[in-house]
Amino acid sequence: MRTTVTLDEDTLALVRKRMRERGVSFKVALNEAVRIGCGAAFAGNRPAPFRPRTFRMGFRPEFRWDKALALAEAIEDEELVRKLQLGA
C-alpha cells in the first residue's frame, strides 16, 4: 500500500540511522520499525500482567490494622492541638 507519512525530525533520524546500520532502504527500515513497535499489539503477544511486590509486615496483635486511619487521624489531631497551644 502506498501512503504519505509525516515523520518528526527525531523519528526520521532514527529511521535513517537504521537504514545505515542495516544497509536497507527507507521503506524497509520504516516497515521494520513499525513492525517492532506494533508487534506486541498485533501479534497477540501481551506483556505479563502487573504484579505488585508484597512484603510480610509481621503479626502484631497489639495493633489493629483495620483501625490505622483512625489512629493516624488521632495522631494528627494531637499534633494540631500541640501546635495551637504553642502558638505556632
N, C-alpha and C. Protein backbone atom coordinates (compact mmCIF):
# COMPACT_ATOMS: atom_id res chain seq x y z
N MET A 1 0.84 -1.16 0.00
CA MET A 1 0.00 0.00 0.00
C MET A 1 0.90 1.24 0.00
N ARG A 2 0.51 2.21 -0.74
CA ARG A 2 1.27 3.45 -0.82
C ARG A 2 0.51 4.52 -0.04
N THR A 3 1.23 5.22 0.85
CA THR A 3 0.60 6.27 1.64
C THR A 3 1.64 7.33 1.98
N THR A 4 1.18 8.47 2.42
CA THR A 4 2.07 9.55 2.83
C THR A 4 2.11 9.58 4.35
N VAL A 5 3.33 9.61 4.88
CA VAL A 5 3.53 9.64 6.33
C VAL A 5 4.38 10.85 6.66
N THR A 6 3.98 11.61 7.66
CA THR A 6 4.77 12.74 8.11
C THR A 6 5.48 12.34 9.38
N LEU A 7 6.80 12.34 9.34
CA LEU A 7 7.62 11.94 10.49
C LEU A 7 8.22 13.16 11.16
N ASP A 8 8.31 13.13 12.47
CA ASP A 8 9.03 14.17 13.19
C ASP A 8 10.52 14.02 12.87
N GLU A 9 11.27 15.09 13.07
CA GLU A 9 12.69 15.07 12.73
C GLU A 9 13.46 13.99 13.50
N ASP A 10 13.15 13.83 14.77
CA ASP A 10 13.87 12.83 15.56
C ASP A 10 13.53 11.41 15.09
N THR A 11 12.29 11.19 14.67
CA THR A 11 11.88 9.88 14.17
C THR A 11 12.55 9.60 12.83
N LEU A 12 12.61 10.60 11.97
CA LEU A 12 13.28 10.46 10.69
C LEU A 12 14.75 10.10 10.88
N ALA A 13 15.38 10.75 11.86
CA ALA A 13 16.79 10.46 12.15
C ALA A 13 16.97 9.01 12.59
N LEU A 14 16.03 8.50 13.39
CA LEU A 14 16.12 7.10 13.82
C LEU A 14 15.97 6.14 12.65
N VAL A 15 15.05 6.44 11.74
CA VAL A 15 14.85 5.57 10.57
C VAL A 15 16.08 5.61 9.69
N ARG A 16 16.65 6.80 9.48
CA ARG A 16 17.85 6.91 8.64
C ARG A 16 19.04 6.19 9.28
N LYS A 17 19.13 6.26 10.62
CA LYS A 17 20.20 5.55 11.31
C LYS A 17 20.04 4.05 11.08
N ARG A 18 18.83 3.58 11.17
CA ARG A 18 18.56 2.15 10.94
C ARG A 18 18.91 1.76 9.50
N MET A 19 18.62 2.66 8.56
CA MET A 19 18.97 2.40 7.15
C MET A 19 20.47 2.20 7.01
N ARG A 20 21.25 3.09 7.63
CA ARG A 20 22.71 3.00 7.52
C ARG A 20 23.24 1.74 8.19
N GLU A 21 22.76 1.48 9.39
CA GLU A 21 23.27 0.34 10.16
C GLU A 21 22.98 -0.99 9.47
N ARG A 22 21.80 -1.10 8.90
CA ARG A 22 21.39 -2.38 8.31
C ARG A 22 21.58 -2.43 6.80
N GLY A 23 21.89 -1.28 6.21
CA GLY A 23 22.09 -1.24 4.77
C GLY A 23 20.81 -1.55 3.99
N VAL A 24 19.70 -0.97 4.46
CA VAL A 24 18.41 -1.23 3.80
C VAL A 24 17.80 0.08 3.32
N SER A 25 16.74 -0.03 2.53
CA SER A 25 16.06 1.16 2.01
C SER A 25 15.21 1.81 3.10
N PHE A 26 14.77 3.03 2.81
CA PHE A 26 13.90 3.75 3.73
C PHE A 26 12.64 2.94 3.99
N LYS A 27 12.05 2.40 2.95
CA LYS A 27 10.81 1.62 3.07
C LYS A 27 11.01 0.43 4.00
N VAL A 28 12.09 -0.30 3.83
CA VAL A 28 12.35 -1.49 4.65
C VAL A 28 12.58 -1.06 6.10
N ALA A 29 13.39 -0.02 6.31
CA ALA A 29 13.69 0.45 7.66
C ALA A 29 12.42 0.91 8.38
N LEU A 30 11.57 1.65 7.68
CA LEU A 30 10.33 2.14 8.28
C LEU A 30 9.39 0.98 8.60
N ASN A 31 9.24 0.04 7.67
CA ASN A 31 8.38 -1.11 7.91
C ASN A 31 8.87 -1.94 9.10
N GLU A 32 10.20 -2.13 9.21
CA GLU A 32 10.74 -2.87 10.34
C GLU A 32 10.43 -2.16 11.65
N ALA A 33 10.61 -0.84 11.66
CA ALA A 33 10.35 -0.07 12.87
C ALA A 33 8.88 -0.16 13.29
N VAL A 34 7.99 -0.07 12.32
CA VAL A 34 6.56 -0.16 12.63
C VAL A 34 6.23 -1.56 13.14
N ARG A 35 6.78 -2.58 12.51
CA ARG A 35 6.52 -3.95 12.95
C ARG A 35 7.02 -4.18 14.38
N ILE A 36 8.22 -3.66 14.67
CA ILE A 36 8.76 -3.83 16.02
C ILE A 36 7.91 -3.07 17.03
N GLY A 37 7.56 -1.84 16.70
CA GLY A 37 6.78 -1.01 17.62
C GLY A 37 5.37 -1.52 17.85
N CYS A 38 4.77 -2.10 16.83
CA CYS A 38 3.38 -2.56 16.95
C CYS A 38 3.29 -4.07 17.11
N GLY A 39 4.39 -4.74 17.03
CA GLY A 39 4.40 -6.21 17.04
C GLY A 39 3.64 -6.83 18.18
N ALA A 40 3.85 -6.33 19.39
CA ALA A 40 3.19 -6.95 20.54
C ALA A 40 1.68 -6.80 20.45
N ALA A 41 1.21 -5.65 20.00
CA ALA A 41 -0.23 -5.42 19.94
C ALA A 41 -0.88 -6.23 18.83
N PHE A 42 -0.21 -6.36 17.69
CA PHE A 42 -0.83 -7.04 16.56
C PHE A 42 -0.61 -8.55 16.56
N ALA A 43 0.46 -9.00 17.18
CA ALA A 43 0.76 -10.43 17.15
C ALA A 43 0.03 -11.19 18.24
N GLY A 44 -0.72 -10.48 19.07
CA GLY A 44 -1.41 -11.13 20.16
C GLY A 44 -0.53 -11.35 21.38
N ASN A 45 0.71 -10.92 21.31
CA ASN A 45 1.61 -11.04 22.46
C ASN A 45 1.28 -9.92 23.44
N ARG A 46 0.91 -10.29 24.60
CA ARG A 46 0.59 -9.29 25.62
C ARG A 46 1.69 -9.31 26.68
N PRO A 47 2.03 -8.16 27.21
CA PRO A 47 3.01 -8.17 28.30
C PRO A 47 2.43 -8.88 29.51
N ALA A 48 3.30 -9.36 30.36
CA ALA A 48 2.84 -10.04 31.57
C ALA A 48 2.04 -9.06 32.42
N PRO A 49 0.99 -9.53 33.07
CA PRO A 49 0.21 -8.62 33.91
C PRO A 49 1.05 -8.08 35.06
N PHE A 50 0.75 -6.87 35.46
CA PHE A 50 1.48 -6.24 36.55
C PHE A 50 1.17 -6.97 37.85
N ARG A 51 2.20 -7.31 38.57
CA ARG A 51 2.04 -7.96 39.87
C ARG A 51 2.83 -7.14 40.90
N PRO A 52 2.13 -6.46 41.80
CA PRO A 52 2.83 -5.65 42.79
C PRO A 52 3.61 -6.54 43.76
N ARG A 53 4.75 -6.04 44.19
CA ARG A 53 5.53 -6.77 45.18
C ARG A 53 4.88 -6.59 46.54
N THR A 54 4.81 -7.62 47.30
CA THR A 54 4.23 -7.55 48.64
C THR A 54 5.28 -7.94 49.66
N PHE A 55 5.08 -7.49 50.87
CA PHE A 55 6.02 -7.77 51.95
C PHE A 55 5.25 -8.17 53.19
N ARG A 56 5.79 -9.14 53.91
CA ARG A 56 5.17 -9.53 55.16
C ARG A 56 5.48 -8.45 56.19
N MET A 57 4.46 -7.99 56.87
CA MET A 57 4.64 -6.95 57.87
C MET A 57 4.67 -7.53 59.28
N GLY A 58 4.54 -8.81 59.37
CA GLY A 58 4.57 -9.45 60.69
C GLY A 58 3.21 -9.35 61.37
N PHE A 59 3.03 -10.19 62.33
CA PHE A 59 1.78 -10.20 63.07
C PHE A 59 1.98 -9.44 64.36
N ARG A 60 1.19 -8.39 64.56
CA ARG A 60 1.29 -7.59 65.77
C ARG A 60 -0.10 -7.49 66.37
N PRO A 61 -0.42 -8.35 67.31
CA PRO A 61 -1.77 -8.35 67.86
C PRO A 61 -2.12 -7.07 68.60
N GLU A 62 -1.11 -6.30 69.04
CA GLU A 62 -1.41 -5.07 69.77
C GLU A 62 -1.83 -3.93 68.85
N PHE A 63 -1.66 -4.10 67.56
CA PHE A 63 -2.03 -3.04 66.61
C PHE A 63 -3.10 -3.55 65.67
N ARG A 64 -4.19 -2.80 65.58
CA ARG A 64 -5.28 -3.20 64.70
C ARG A 64 -5.13 -2.46 63.37
N TRP A 65 -4.73 -3.19 62.33
CA TRP A 65 -4.50 -2.60 61.02
C TRP A 65 -5.78 -2.05 60.41
N ASP A 66 -6.93 -2.60 60.78
CA ASP A 66 -8.19 -2.09 60.24
C ASP A 66 -8.55 -0.74 60.85
N LYS A 67 -7.82 -0.31 61.88
CA LYS A 67 -8.06 0.99 62.51
C LYS A 67 -6.91 1.96 62.28
N ALA A 68 -6.08 1.70 61.27
CA ALA A 68 -4.88 2.51 61.04
C ALA A 68 -5.24 3.96 60.69
N LEU A 69 -6.28 4.16 59.90
CA LEU A 69 -6.65 5.54 59.54
C LEU A 69 -7.15 6.31 60.74
N ALA A 70 -7.90 5.65 61.60
CA ALA A 70 -8.38 6.32 62.81
C ALA A 70 -7.21 6.71 63.70
N LEU A 71 -6.22 5.84 63.81
CA LEU A 71 -5.03 6.15 64.59
C LEU A 71 -4.27 7.33 63.99
N ALA A 72 -4.13 7.35 62.66
CA ALA A 72 -3.43 8.45 62.00
C ALA A 72 -4.16 9.77 62.24
N GLU A 73 -5.48 9.75 62.20
CA GLU A 73 -6.27 10.96 62.47
C GLU A 73 -6.06 11.44 63.90
N ALA A 74 -6.05 10.50 64.84
CA ALA A 74 -5.86 10.87 66.24
C ALA A 74 -4.48 11.49 66.46
N ILE A 75 -3.46 10.92 65.85
CA ILE A 75 -2.10 11.46 65.98
C ILE A 75 -2.04 12.85 65.36
N GLU A 76 -2.66 13.02 64.20
CA GLU A 76 -2.67 14.32 63.54
C GLU A 76 -3.41 15.36 64.39
N ASP A 77 -4.53 14.96 64.99
CA ASP A 77 -5.29 15.87 65.85
C ASP A 77 -4.45 16.30 67.05
N GLU A 78 -3.75 15.35 67.67
CA GLU A 78 -2.89 15.67 68.81
C GLU A 78 -1.81 16.67 68.42
N GLU A 79 -1.23 16.49 67.23
CA GLU A 79 -0.18 17.40 66.76
C GLU A 79 -0.74 18.80 66.51
N LEU A 80 -1.94 18.88 65.95
CA LEU A 80 -2.56 20.19 65.72
C LEU A 80 -2.83 20.91 67.04
N VAL A 81 -3.33 20.18 68.02
CA VAL A 81 -3.59 20.77 69.33
C VAL A 81 -2.28 21.26 69.94
N ARG A 82 -1.23 20.46 69.82
CA ARG A 82 0.07 20.86 70.36
C ARG A 82 0.57 22.14 69.72
N LYS A 83 0.43 22.24 68.38
CA LYS A 83 0.88 23.44 67.68
C LYS A 83 0.06 24.66 68.08
N LEU A 84 -1.25 24.47 68.25
CA LEU A 84 -2.09 25.59 68.67
C LEU A 84 -1.74 26.07 70.07
N GLN A 85 -1.41 25.14 70.95
CA GLN A 85 -1.04 25.50 72.30
C GLN A 85 0.29 26.25 72.31
N LEU A 86 1.19 25.94 71.40
CA LEU A 86 2.48 26.62 71.31
C LEU A 86 2.36 27.98 70.62
N GLY A 87 1.22 28.20 69.96
CA GLY A 87 1.00 29.45 69.25
C GLY A 87 1.63 29.48 67.88
N ALA A 88 1.88 28.32 67.33
CA ALA A 88 2.51 28.24 66.00
C ALA A 88 1.50 28.38 64.89
